[in-house]
Amino acid sequence: NCTEFKTGTFQFDYSVDGIEKTGTFVRTEDLNIDYYENSVDSASVRWINDCEFILTKLNPKSISEEKSIHFKILTTDNDSYTFEYQLAMKDPYKKPRIEKGTATKIK
């Protein structure tokens, strides 16, 4: 049931240099705001269907940050969902790098 996870406040765990950290993000129908490591980052959200969306940073600080990211919700639970993500535009000279994660809805 992806529609229950289109909007809300979420938490996710991630690793930087082997150190586990927790981030939070707030998603509305058309905006995603990430809070992590004392930083705030905003992106536009464009839904493709109920389970897939594209994030594009509003204020990219580098060429790599200008690239949109495609997210796909794979499974949902009572208060969390598992997703995979990759660059929205595929580079014909590189093997696609697909990452997975889990987000928990806290509001």
PDB file of N, CA and C in Angstrom:
ATOM      1  N   ASN A   1       0.842  -1.185   0.000  1.00  0.00           N
ATOM      2  CA  ASN A   1       0.000   0.000   0.000  1.00  0.00           C
ATOM      3  C   ASN A   1       0.887   1.248   0.000  1.00  0.00           C
ATOM      4  N   CYS A   2       1.366   1.633  -1.142  1.00  0.00           N
ATOM      5  CA  CYS A   2       2.321   2.738  -1.263  1.00  0.00           C
ATOM      6  C   CYS A   2       1.716   4.099  -0.933  1.00  0.00           C
ATOM      7  N   THR A   3       0.425   4.283  -1.181  1.00  0.00           N
ATOM      8  CA  THR A   3      -0.178   5.610  -1.005  1.00  0.00           C
ATOM      9  C   THR A   3      -0.063   6.120   0.425  1.00  0.00           C
ATOM     10  N   GLU A   4      -0.010   5.225   1.404  1.00  0.00           N
ATOM     11  CA  GLU A   4       0.125   5.653   2.798  1.00  0.00           C
ATOM     12  C   GLU A   4       1.508   6.235   3.095  1.00  0.00           C
ATOM     13  N   PHE A   5       2.453   6.060   2.174  1.00  0.00           N
ATOM     14  CA  PHE A   5       3.820   6.529   2.388  1.00  0.00           C
ATOM     15  C   PHE A   5       4.204   7.654   1.428  1.00  0.00           C
ATOM     16  N   LYS A   6       3.228   8.215   0.726  1.00  0.00           N
ATOM     17  CA  LYS A   6       3.524   9.330  -0.180  1.00  0.00           C
ATOM     18  C   LYS A   6       3.895  10.593   0.581  1.00  0.00           C
ATOM     19  N   THR A   7       3.264  10.805   1.724  1.00  0.00           N
ATOM     20  CA  THR A   7       3.546  11.998   2.521  1.00  0.00           C
ATOM     21  C   THR A   7       3.764  11.598   3.975  1.00  0.00           C
ATOM     22  N   GLY A   8       4.452  12.462   4.714  1.00  0.00           N
ATOM     23  CA  GLY A   8       4.673  12.208   6.129  1.00  0.00           C
ATOM     24  C   GLY A   8       6.086  12.551   6.556  1.00  0.00           C
ATOM     25  N   THR A   9       6.396  12.197   7.796  1.00  0.00           N
ATOM     26  CA  THR A   9       7.741  12.369   8.350  1.00  0.00           C
ATOM     27  C   THR A   9       8.310  10.970   8.556  1.00  0.00           C
ATOM     28  N   PHE A  10       9.538  10.767   8.084  1.00  0.00           N
ATOM     29  CA  PHE A  10      10.151   9.445   8.072  1.00  0.00           C
ATOM     30  C   PHE A  10      11.542   9.482   8.675  1.00  0.00           C
ATOM     31  N   GLN A  11      11.992   8.325   9.141  1.00  0.00           N
ATOM     32  CA  GLN A  11      13.355   8.141   9.643  1.00  0.00           C
ATOM     33  C   GLN A  11      14.010   7.028   8.841  1.00  0.00           C
ATOM     34  N   PHE A  12      15.317   7.149   8.631  1.00  0.00           N
ATOM     35  CA  PHE A  12      16.053   6.093   7.948  1.00  0.00           C
ATOM     36  C   PHE A  12      17.463   6.020   8.516  1.00  0.00           C
ATOM     37  N   ASP A  13      18.039   4.832   8.470  1.00  0.00           N
ATOM     38  CA  ASP A  13      19.415   4.620   8.917  1.00  0.00           C
ATOM     39  C   ASP A  13      20.319   4.539   7.701  1.00  0.00           C
ATOM     40  N   TYR A  14      21.514   5.072   7.842  1.00  0.00           N
ATOM     41  CA  TYR A  14      22.501   5.008   6.771  1.00  0.00           C
ATOM     42  C   TYR A  14      23.885   4.933   7.385  1.00  0.00           C
ATOM     43  N   SER A  15      24.864   4.613   6.560  1.00  0.00           N
ATOM     44  CA  SER A  15      26.229   4.426   7.040  1.00  0.00           C
ATOM     45  C   SER A  15      27.173   5.363   6.290  1.00  0.00           C
ATOM     46  N   VAL A  16      28.055   6.018   7.029  1.00  0.00           N
ATOM     47  CA  VAL A  16      29.094   6.861   6.440  1.00  0.00           C
ATOM     48  C   VAL A  16      30.426   6.401   7.022  1.00  0.00           C
ATOM     49  N   ASP A  17      31.299   5.904   6.149  1.00  0.00           N
ATOM     50  CA  ASP A  17      32.612   5.405   6.575  1.00  0.00           C
ATOM     51  C   ASP A  17      32.488   4.371   7.690  1.00  0.00           C
ATOM     52  N   GLY A  18      31.471   3.513   7.583  1.00  0.00           N
ATOM     53  CA  GLY A  18      31.277   2.448   8.554  1.00  0.00           C
ATOM     54  C   GLY A  18      30.578   2.867   9.841  1.00  0.00           C
ATOM     55  N   ILE A  19      30.212   4.135   9.945  1.00  0.00           N
ATOM     56  CA  ILE A  19      29.522   4.631  11.132  1.00  0.00           C
ATOM     57  C   ILE A  19      28.031   4.726  10.829  1.00  0.00           C
ATOM     58  N   GLU A  20      27.228   4.050  11.655  1.00  0.00           N
ATOM     59  CA  GLU A  20      25.769   4.067  11.462  1.00  0.00           C
ATOM     60  C   GLU A  20      25.195   5.394  11.953  1.00  0.00           C
ATOM     61  N   LYS A  21      24.309   5.975  11.142  1.00  0.00           N
ATOM     62  CA  LYS A  21      23.676   7.247  11.480  1.00  0.00           C
ATOM     63  C   LYS A  21      22.190   7.159  11.173  1.00  0.00           C
ATOM     64  N   THR A  22      21.422   8.099  11.708  1.00  0.00           N
ATOM     65  CA  THR A  22      19.988   8.161  11.460  1.00  0.00           C
ATOM     66  C   THR A  22      19.646   9.531  10.901  1.00  0.00           C
ATOM     67  N   GLY A  23      18.837   9.543   9.851  1.00  0.00           N
ATOM     68  CA  GLY A  23      18.377  10.791   9.249  1.00  0.00           C
ATOM     69  C   GLY A  23      16.860  10.845   9.284  1.00  0.00           C
ATOM     70  N   THR A  24      16.331  12.028   9.060  1.00  0.00           N
ATOM     71  CA  THR A  24      14.888  12.236   9.037  1.00  0.00           C
ATOM     72  C   THR A  24      14.543  13.014   7.773  1.00  0.00           C
ATOM     73  N   PHE A  25      13.396  12.725   7.188  1.00  0.00           N
ATOM     74  CA  PHE A  25      12.930  13.544   6.079  1.00  0.00           C
ATOM     75  C   PHE A  25      11.424  13.709   6.149  1.00  0.00           C
ATOM     76  N   VAL A  26      10.977  14.848   5.617  1.00  0.00           N
ATOM     77  CA  VAL A  26       9.558  15.168   5.529  1.00  0.00           C
ATOM     78  C   VAL A  26       9.220  15.230   4.046  1.00  0.00           C
ATOM     79  N   ARG A  27       8.168  14.499   3.653  1.00  0.00           N
ATOM     80  CA  ARG A  27       7.776  14.489   2.248  1.00  0.00           C
ATOM     81  C   ARG A  27       6.320  14.932   2.119  1.00  0.00           C
ATOM     82  N   THR A  28       6.089  15.914   1.247  1.00  0.00           N
ATOM     83  CA  THR A  28       4.746  16.317   0.868  1.00  0.00           C
ATOM     84  C   THR A  28       4.503  15.766  -0.541  1.00  0.00           C
ATOM     85  N   GLU A  29       3.395  16.091  -1.136  1.00  0.00           N
ATOM     86  CA  GLU A  29       3.100  15.600  -2.492  1.00  0.00           C
ATOM     87  C   GLU A  29       4.170  16.025  -3.495  1.00  0.00           C
ATOM     88  N   ASP A  30       4.782  17.207  -3.293  1.00  0.00           N
ATOM     89  CA  ASP A  30       5.732  17.692  -4.295  1.00  0.00           C
ATOM     90  C   ASP A  30       7.056  18.207  -3.741  1.00  0.00           C
ATOM     91  N   LEU A  31       7.344  17.940  -2.457  1.00  0.00           N
ATOM     92  CA  LEU A  31       8.593  18.408  -1.863  1.00  0.00           C
ATOM     93  C   LEU A  31       9.128  17.382  -0.873  1.00  0.00           C
ATOM     94  N   ASN A  32      10.454  17.219  -0.831  1.00  0.00           N
ATOM     95  CA  ASN A  32      11.117  16.316   0.103  1.00  0.00           C
ATOM     96  C   ASN A  32      12.209  17.115   0.813  1.00  0.00           C
ATOM     97  N   ILE A  33      12.176  17.150   2.147  1.00  0.00           N
ATOM     98  CA  ILE A  33      13.178  17.885   2.923  1.00  0.00           C
ATOM     99  C   ILE A  33      13.916  16.890   3.808  1.00  0.00           C
ATOM    100  N   ASP A  34      15.228  16.757   3.585  1.00  0.00           N
ATOM    101  CA  ASP A  34      16.081  15.837   4.346  1.00  0.00           C
ATOM    102  C   ASP A  34      16.792  16.587   5.465  1.00  0.00           C
ATOM    103  N   TYR A  35      16.849  15.939   6.642  1.00  0.00           N
ATOM    104  CA  TYR A  35      17.585  16.460   7.788  1.00  0.00           C
ATOM    105  C   TYR A  35      18.604  15.404   8.204  1.00  0.00           C
ATOM    106  N   TYR A  36      19.892  15.684   8.030  1.00  0.00           N
ATOM    107  CA  TYR A  36      20.929  14.733   8.387  1.00  0.00           C
ATOM    108  C   TYR A  36      22.225  15.468   8.679  1.00  0.00           C
ATOM    109  N   GLU A  37      22.962  14.986   9.657  1.00  0.00           N
ATOM    110  CA  GLU A  37      24.265  15.546  10.041  1.00  0.00           C
ATOM    111  C   GLU A  37      24.238  17.070  10.113  1.00  0.00           C
ATOM    112  N   ASN A  38      23.259  17.633  10.803  1.00  0.00           N
ATOM    113  CA  ASN A  38      23.113  19.080  10.967  1.00  0.00           C
ATOM    114  C   ASN A  38      22.969  19.827   9.645  1.00  0.00           C
ATOM    115  N   SER A  39      22.456  19.140   8.617  1.00  0.00           N
ATOM    116  CA  SER A  39      22.217  19.751   7.312  1.00  0.00           C
ATOM    117  C   SER A  39      20.758  19.594   6.931  1.00  0.00           C
ATOM    118  N   VAL A  40      20.311  20.506   6.077  1.00  0.00           N
ATOM    119  CA  VAL A  40      18.964  20.426   5.526  1.00  0.00           C
ATOM    120  C   VAL A  40      19.111  20.475   4.015  1.00  0.00           C
ATOM    121  N   ASP A  41      18.407  19.588   3.312  1.00  0.00           N
ATOM    122  CA  ASP A  41      18.500  19.505   1.867  1.00  0.00           C
ATOM    123  C   ASP A  41      17.092  19.325   1.307  1.00  0.00           C
ATOM    124  N   SER A  42      16.751  20.071   0.278  1.00  0.00           N
ATOM    125  CA  SER A  42      15.404  20.009  -0.287  1.00  0.00           C
ATOM    126  C   SER A  42      15.436  19.516  -1.725  1.00  0.00           C
ATOM    127  N   ALA A  43      14.381  18.787  -2.094  1.00  0.00           N
ATOM    128  CA  ALA A  43      14.250  18.276  -3.452  1.00  0.00           C
ATOM    129  C   ALA A  43      12.788  18.307  -3.865  1.00  0.00           C
ATOM    130  N   SER A  44      12.570  18.448  -5.156  1.00  0.00           N
ATOM    131  CA  SER A  44      11.211  18.337  -5.666  1.00  0.00           C
ATOM    132  C   SER A  44      10.878  16.858  -5.823  1.00  0.00           C
ATOM    133  N   VAL A  45       9.588  16.536  -5.689  1.00  0.00           N
ATOM    134  CA  VAL A  45       9.115  15.164  -5.824  1.00  0.00           C
ATOM    135  C   VAL A  45       8.151  15.126  -7.006  1.00  0.00           C
ATOM    136  N   ARG A  46       8.397  14.200  -7.929  1.00  0.00           N
ATOM    137  CA  ARG A  46       7.468  13.982  -9.041  1.00  0.00           C
ATOM    138  C   ARG A  46       7.074  12.517  -9.026  1.00  0.00           C
ATOM    139  N   TRP A  47       5.805  12.242  -8.731  1.00  0.00           N
ATOM    140  CA  TRP A  47       5.319  10.874  -8.660  1.00  0.00           C
ATOM    141  C   TRP A  47       5.044  10.340 -10.060  1.00  0.00           C
ATOM    142  N   ILE A  48       5.574   9.159 -10.360  1.00  0.00           N
ATOM    143  CA  ILE A  48       5.343   8.476 -11.630  1.00  0.00           C
ATOM    144  C   ILE A  48       4.070   7.636 -11.520  1.00  0.00           C
ATOM    145  N   ASN A  49       3.941   6.955 -10.394  1.00  0.00           N
ATOM    146  CA  ASN A  49       2.744   6.185 -10.054  1.00  0.00           C
ATOM    147  C   ASN A  49       2.701   6.111  -8.528  1.00  0.00           C
ATOM    148  N   ASP A  50       1.806   5.321  -7.960  1.00  0.00           N
ATOM    149  CA  ASP A  50       1.673   5.290  -6.499  1.00  0.00           C
ATOM    150  C   ASP A  50       2.912   4.793  -5.774  1.00  0.00           C
ATOM    151  N   CYS A  51       3.793   4.060  -6.465  1.00  0.00           N
ATOM    152  CA  CYS A  51       4.953   3.455  -5.800  1.00  0.00           C
ATOM    153  C   CYS A  51       6.304   3.948  -6.323  1.00  0.00           C
ATOM    154  N   GLU A  52       6.323   4.856  -7.286  1.00  0.00           N
ATOM    155  CA  GLU A  52       7.591   5.330  -7.848  1.00  0.00           C
ATOM    156  C   GLU A  52       7.584   6.844  -7.972  1.00  0.00           C
ATOM    157  N   PHE A  53       8.750   7.449  -7.653  1.00  0.00           N
ATOM    158  CA  PHE A  53       8.863   8.899  -7.772  1.00  0.00           C
ATOM    159  C   PHE A  53      10.295   9.286  -8.114  1.00  0.00           C
ATOM    160  N   ILE A  54      10.429  10.516  -8.592  1.00  0.00           N
ATOM    161  CA  ILE A  54      11.731  11.090  -8.950  1.00  0.00           C
ATOM    162  C   ILE A  54      12.009  12.255  -8.015  1.00  0.00           C
ATOM    163  N   LEU A  55      13.213  12.261  -7.416  1.00  0.00           N
ATOM    164  CA  LEU A  55      13.662  13.386  -6.594  1.00  0.00           C
ATOM    165  C   LEU A  55      14.706  14.182  -7.369  1.00  0.00           C
ATOM    166  N   THR A  56      14.551  15.505  -7.379  1.00  0.00           N
ATOM    167  CA  THR A  56      15.515  16.397  -8.021  1.00  0.00           C
ATOM    168  C   THR A  56      15.860  17.495  -7.033  1.00  0.00           C
ATOM    169  N   LYS A  57      17.145  17.611  -6.681  1.00  0.00           N
ATOM    170  CA  LYS A  57      17.568  18.615  -5.695  1.00  0.00           C
ATOM    171  C   LYS A  57      17.234  20.017  -6.183  1.00  0.00           C
ATOM    172  N   LEU A  58      16.758  20.846  -5.258  1.00  0.00           N
ATOM    173  CA  LEU A  58      16.391  22.210  -5.606  1.00  0.00           C
ATOM    174  C   LEU A  58      17.605  23.122  -5.720  1.00  0.00           C
ATOM    175  N   ASN A  59      18.626  22.893  -4.894  1.00  0.00           N
ATOM    176  CA  ASN A  59      19.830  23.729  -4.903  1.00  0.00           C
ATOM    177  C   ASN A  59      21.080  22.858  -4.958  1.00  0.00           C
ATOM    178  N   PRO A  60      21.330  22.228  -6.104  1.00  0.00           N
ATOM    179  CA  PRO A  60      22.495  21.334  -6.192  1.00  0.00           C
ATOM    180  C   PRO A  60      23.796  22.106  -6.020  1.00  0.00           C
ATOM    181  N   LYS A  61      24.744  21.462  -5.318  1.00  0.00           N
ATOM    182  CA  LYS A  61      26.033  22.093  -5.061  1.00  0.00           C
ATOM    183  C   LYS A  61      27.138  21.540  -5.966  1.00  0.00           C
ATOM    184  N   SER A  62      26.789  20.544  -6.785  1.00  0.00           N
ATOM    185  CA  SER A  62      27.768  19.961  -7.699  1.00  0.00           C
ATOM    186  C   SER A  62      27.031  19.383  -8.899  1.00  0.00           C
ATOM    187  N   ILE A  63      27.782  19.003  -9.905  1.00  0.00           N
ATOM    188  CA  ILE A  63      27.183  18.409 -11.109  1.00  0.00           C
ATOM    189  C   ILE A  63      26.497  17.096 -10.767  1.00  0.00           C
ATOM    190  N   SER A  64      27.093  16.298  -9.888  1.00  0.00           N
ATOM    191  CA  SER A  64      26.480  15.017  -9.534  1.00  0.00           C
ATOM    192  C   SER A  64      25.158  15.218  -8.788  1.00  0.00           C
ATOM    193  N   GLU A  65      25.035  16.296  -8.017  1.00  0.00           N
ATOM    194  CA  GLU A  65      23.789  16.564  -7.302  1.00  0.00           C
ATOM    195  C   GLU A  65      22.681  17.054  -8.230  1.00  0.00           C
ATOM    196  N   GLU A  66      23.043  17.443  -9.462  1.00  0.00           N
ATOM    197  CA  GLU A  66      22.040  17.876 -10.435  1.00  0.00           C
ATOM    198  C   GLU A  66      21.268  16.694 -11.013  1.00  0.00           C
ATOM    199  N   LYS A  67      21.800  15.494 -10.840  1.00  0.00           N
ATOM    200  CA  LYS A  67      21.170  14.305 -11.411  1.00  0.00           C
ATOM    201  C   LYS A  67      20.002  13.844 -10.545  1.00  0.00           C
ATOM    202  N   SER A  68      18.855  13.634 -11.180  1.00  0.00           N
ATOM    203  CA  SER A  68      17.661  13.176 -10.472  1.00  0.00           C
ATOM    204  C   SER A  68      17.812  11.714 -10.063  1.00  0.00           C
ATOM    205  N   ILE A  69      17.095  11.341  -9.005  1.00  0.00           N
ATOM    206  CA  ILE A  69      17.158   9.974  -8.489  1.00  0.00           C
ATOM    207  C   ILE A  69      15.763   9.358  -8.543  1.00  0.00           C
ATOM    208  N   HIS A  70      15.711   8.150  -9.066  1.00  0.00           N
ATOM    209  CA  HIS A  70      14.461   7.400  -9.192  1.00  0.00           C
ATOM    210  C   HIS A  70      14.315   6.462  -7.998  1.00  0.00           C
ATOM    211  N   PHE A  71      13.198   6.577  -7.262  1.00  0.00           N
ATOM    212  CA  PHE A  71      12.903   5.727  -6.113  1.00  0.00           C
ATOM    213  C   PHE A  71      11.734   4.821  -6.446  1.00  0.00           C
ATOM    214  N   LYS A  72      11.822   3.581  -5.994  1.00  0.00           N
ATOM    215  CA  LYS A  72      10.733   2.633  -6.161  1.00  0.00           C
ATOM    216  C   LYS A  72      10.469   1.957  -4.824  1.00  0.00           C
ATOM    217  N   ILE A  73       9.226   2.071  -4.335  1.00  0.00           N
ATOM    218  CA  ILE A  73       8.837   1.383  -3.107  1.00  0.00           C
ATOM    219  C   ILE A  73       8.594  -0.078  -3.463  1.00  0.00           C
ATOM    220  N   LEU A  74       9.326  -0.980  -2.812  1.00  0.00           N
ATOM    221  CA  LEU A  74       9.247  -2.408  -3.131  1.00  0.00           C
ATOM    222  C   LEU A  74       8.228  -3.135  -2.266  1.00  0.00           C
ATOM    223  N   THR A  75       8.255  -2.867  -0.956  1.00  0.00           N
ATOM    224  CA  THR A  75       7.325  -3.509  -0.027  1.00  0.00           C
ATOM    225  C   THR A  75       6.933  -2.501   1.044  1.00  0.00           C
ATOM    226  N   THR A  76       5.763  -2.712   1.629  1.00  0.00           N
ATOM    227  CA  THR A  76       5.322  -1.865   2.728  1.00  0.00           C
ATOM    228  C   THR A  76       4.933  -2.741   3.906  1.00  0.00           C
ATOM    229  N   ASP A  77       5.020  -2.139   5.085  1.00  0.00           N
ATOM    230  CA  ASP A  77       4.645  -2.790   6.336  1.00  0.00           C
ATOM    231  C   ASP A  77       3.703  -1.824   7.051  1.00  0.00           C
ATOM    232  N   ASN A  78       3.391  -2.075   8.290  1.00  0.00           N
ATOM    233  CA  ASN A  78       2.490  -1.181   9.024  1.00  0.00           C
ATOM    234  C   ASN A  78       2.995   0.258   9.048  1.00  0.00           C
ATOM    235  N   ASP A  79       4.278   0.446   9.375  1.00  0.00           N
ATOM    236  CA  ASP A  79       4.797   1.805   9.514  1.00  0.00           C
ATOM    237  C   ASP A  79       6.105   2.032   8.756  1.00  0.00           C
ATOM    238  N   SER A  80       6.462   1.127   7.848  1.00  0.00           N
ATOM    239  CA  SER A  80       7.715   1.301   7.119  1.00  0.00           C
ATOM    240  C   SER A  80       7.586   0.767   5.696  1.00  0.00           C
ATOM    241  N   TYR A  81       8.571   1.146   4.874  1.00  0.00           N
ATOM    242  CA  TYR A  81       8.619   0.618   3.518  1.00  0.00           C
ATOM    243  C   TYR A  81      10.075   0.378   3.115  1.00  0.00           C
ATOM    244  N   THR A  82      10.254  -0.598   2.261  1.00  0.00           N
ATOM    245  CA  THR A  82      11.560  -0.900   1.691  1.00  0.00           C
ATOM    246  C   THR A  82      11.570  -0.338   0.276  1.00  0.00           C
ATOM    247  N   PHE A  83      12.675   0.282  -0.087  1.00  0.00           N
ATOM    248  CA  PHE A  83      12.755   0.932  -1.387  1.00  0.00           C
ATOM    249  C   PHE A  83      14.109   0.661  -2.030  1.00  0.00           C
ATOM    250  N   GLU A  84      14.154   0.902  -3.326  1.00  0.00           N
ATOM    251  CA  GLU A  84      15.434   0.910  -4.032  1.00  0.00           C
ATOM    252  C   GLU A  84      15.517   2.222  -4.788  1.00  0.00           C
ATOM    253  N   TYR A  85      16.756   2.650  -5.041  1.00  0.00           N
ATOM    254  CA  TYR A  85      16.934   3.897  -5.770  1.00  0.00           C
ATOM    255  C   TYR A  85      18.158   3.827  -6.652  1.00  0.00           C
ATOM    256  N   GLN A  86      18.117   4.625  -7.707  1.00  0.00           N
ATOM    257  CA  GLN A  86      19.216   4.723  -8.656  1.00  0.00           C
ATOM    258  C   GLN A  86      19.072   6.040  -9.414  1.00  0.00           C
ATOM    259  N   LEU A  87      20.099   6.391 -10.180  1.00  0.00           N
ATOM    260  CA  LEU A  87      20.008   7.595 -10.992  1.00  0.00           C
ATOM    261  C   LEU A  87      18.860   7.439 -11.980  1.00  0.00           C
ATOM    262  N   ALA A  88      18.100   8.502 -12.164  1.00  0.00           N
ATOM    263  CA  ALA A  88      16.951   8.446 -13.068  1.00  0.00           C
ATOM    264  C   ALA A  88      17.402   8.310 -14.522  1.00  0.00           C
ATOM    265  N   MET A  89      18.478   8.995 -14.885  1.00  0.00           N
ATOM    266  CA  MET A  89      19.023   8.896 -16.249  1.00  0.00           C
ATOM    267  C   MET A  89      20.192   7.922 -16.226  1.00  0.00           C
ATOM    268  N   LYS A  90      20.084   6.897 -17.007  1.00  0.00           N
ATOM    269  CA  LYS A  90      21.124   5.874 -17.025  1.00  0.00           C
ATOM    270  C   LYS A  90      22.315   6.328 -17.871  1.00  0.00           C
ATOM    271  N   ASP A  91      23.502   6.041 -17.380  1.00  0.00           N
ATOM    272  CA  ASP A  91      24.733   6.321 -18.108  1.00  0.00           C
ATOM    273  C   ASP A  91      25.057   5.091 -18.942  1.00  0.00           C
ATOM    274  N   PRO A  92      25.093   5.205 -20.262  1.00  0.00           N
ATOM    275  CA  PRO A  92      25.322   4.022 -21.108  1.00  0.00           C
ATOM    276  C   PRO A  92      26.709   3.406 -20.932  1.00  0.00           C
ATOM    277  N   TYR A  93      27.624   4.129 -20.292  1.00  0.00           N
ATOM    278  CA  TYR A  93      28.985   3.640 -20.140  1.00  0.00           C
ATOM    279  C   TYR A  93      29.261   3.073 -18.748  1.00  0.00           C
ATOM    280  N   LYS A  94      28.262   3.095 -17.873  1.00  0.00           N
ATOM    281  CA  LYS A  94      28.449   2.591 -16.515  1.00  0.00           C
ATOM    282  C   LYS A  94      27.371   1.580 -16.174  1.00  0.00           C
ATOM    283  N   LYS A  95      27.748   0.609 -15.351  1.00  0.00           N
ATOM    284  CA  LYS A  95      26.773  -0.348 -14.845  1.00  0.00           C
ATOM    285  C   LYS A  95      25.872   0.381 -13.848  1.00  0.00           C
ATOM    286  N   PRO A  96      24.546   0.188 -13.943  1.00  0.00           N
ATOM    287  CA  PRO A  96      23.658   0.875 -12.991  1.00  0.00           C
ATOM    288  C   PRO A  96      23.964   0.482 -11.548  1.00  0.00           C
ATOM    289  N   ARG A  97      23.942   1.450 -10.674  1.00  0.00           N
ATOM    290  CA  ARG A  97      24.178   1.209  -9.249  1.00  0.00           C
ATOM    291  C   ARG A  97      22.841   1.370  -8.534  1.00  0.00           C
ATOM    292  N   ILE A  98      22.286   0.257  -8.086  1.00  0.00           N
ATOM    293  CA  ILE A  98      20.999   0.268  -7.407  1.00  0.00           C
ATOM    294  C   ILE A  98      21.228   0.010  -5.926  1.00  0.00           C
ATOM    295  N   GLU A  99      20.735   0.907  -5.096  1.00  0.00           N
ATOM    296  CA  GLU A  99      20.874   0.790  -3.652  1.00  0.00           C
ATOM    297  C   GLU A  99      19.495   0.533  -3.056  1.00  0.00           C
ATOM    298  N   LYS A 100      19.483  -0.070  -1.858  1.00  0.00           N
ATOM    299  CA  LYS A 100      18.226  -0.339  -1.157  1.00  0.00           C
ATOM    300  C   LYS A 100      18.255   0.297   0.222  1.00  0.00           C
ATOM    301  N   GLY A 101      17.069   0.541   0.751  1.00  0.00           N
ATOM    302  CA  GLY A 101      16.962   1.091   2.087  1.00  0.00           C
ATOM    303  C   GLY A 101      15.576   0.857   2.654  1.00  0.00           C
ATOM    304  N   THR A 102      15.410   1.248   3.917  1.00  0.00           N
ATOM    305  CA  THR A 102      14.126   1.148   4.590  1.00  0.00           C
ATOM    306  C   THR A 102      13.859   2.463   5.299  1.00  0.00           C
ATOM    307  N   ALA A 103      12.639   2.973   5.157  1.00  0.00           N
ATOM    308  CA  ALA A 103      12.229   4.193   5.845  1.00  0.00           C
ATOM    309  C   ALA A 103      11.049   3.853   6.749  1.00  0.00           C
ATOM    310  N   THR A 104      11.030   4.443   7.925  1.00  0.00           N
ATOM    311  CA  THR A 104       9.962   4.230   8.903  1.00  0.00           C
ATOM    312  C   THR A 104       9.185   5.522   9.067  1.00  0.00           C
ATOM    313  N   LYS A 105       7.867   5.442   8.943  1.00  0.00           N
ATOM    314  CA  LYS A 105       7.023   6.619   9.098  1.00  0.00           C
ATOM    315  C   LYS A 105       6.842   6.896  10.581  1.00  0.00           C
ATOM    316  N   ILE A 106       7.209   8.118  11.003  1.00  0.00           N
ATOM    317  CA  ILE A 106       7.091   8.474  12.420  1.00  0.00           C
ATOM    318  C   ILE A 106       5.970   9.484  12.658  1.00  0.00           C
ATOM    319  N   LYS A 107       5.422  10.081  11.590  1.00  0.00           N
ATOM    320  CA  LYS A 107       4.273  10.998  11.694  1.00  0.00           C
ATOM    321  C   LYS A 107       3.441  10.896  10.452  1.00  0.00           C
TER     322      LYS A 107
END
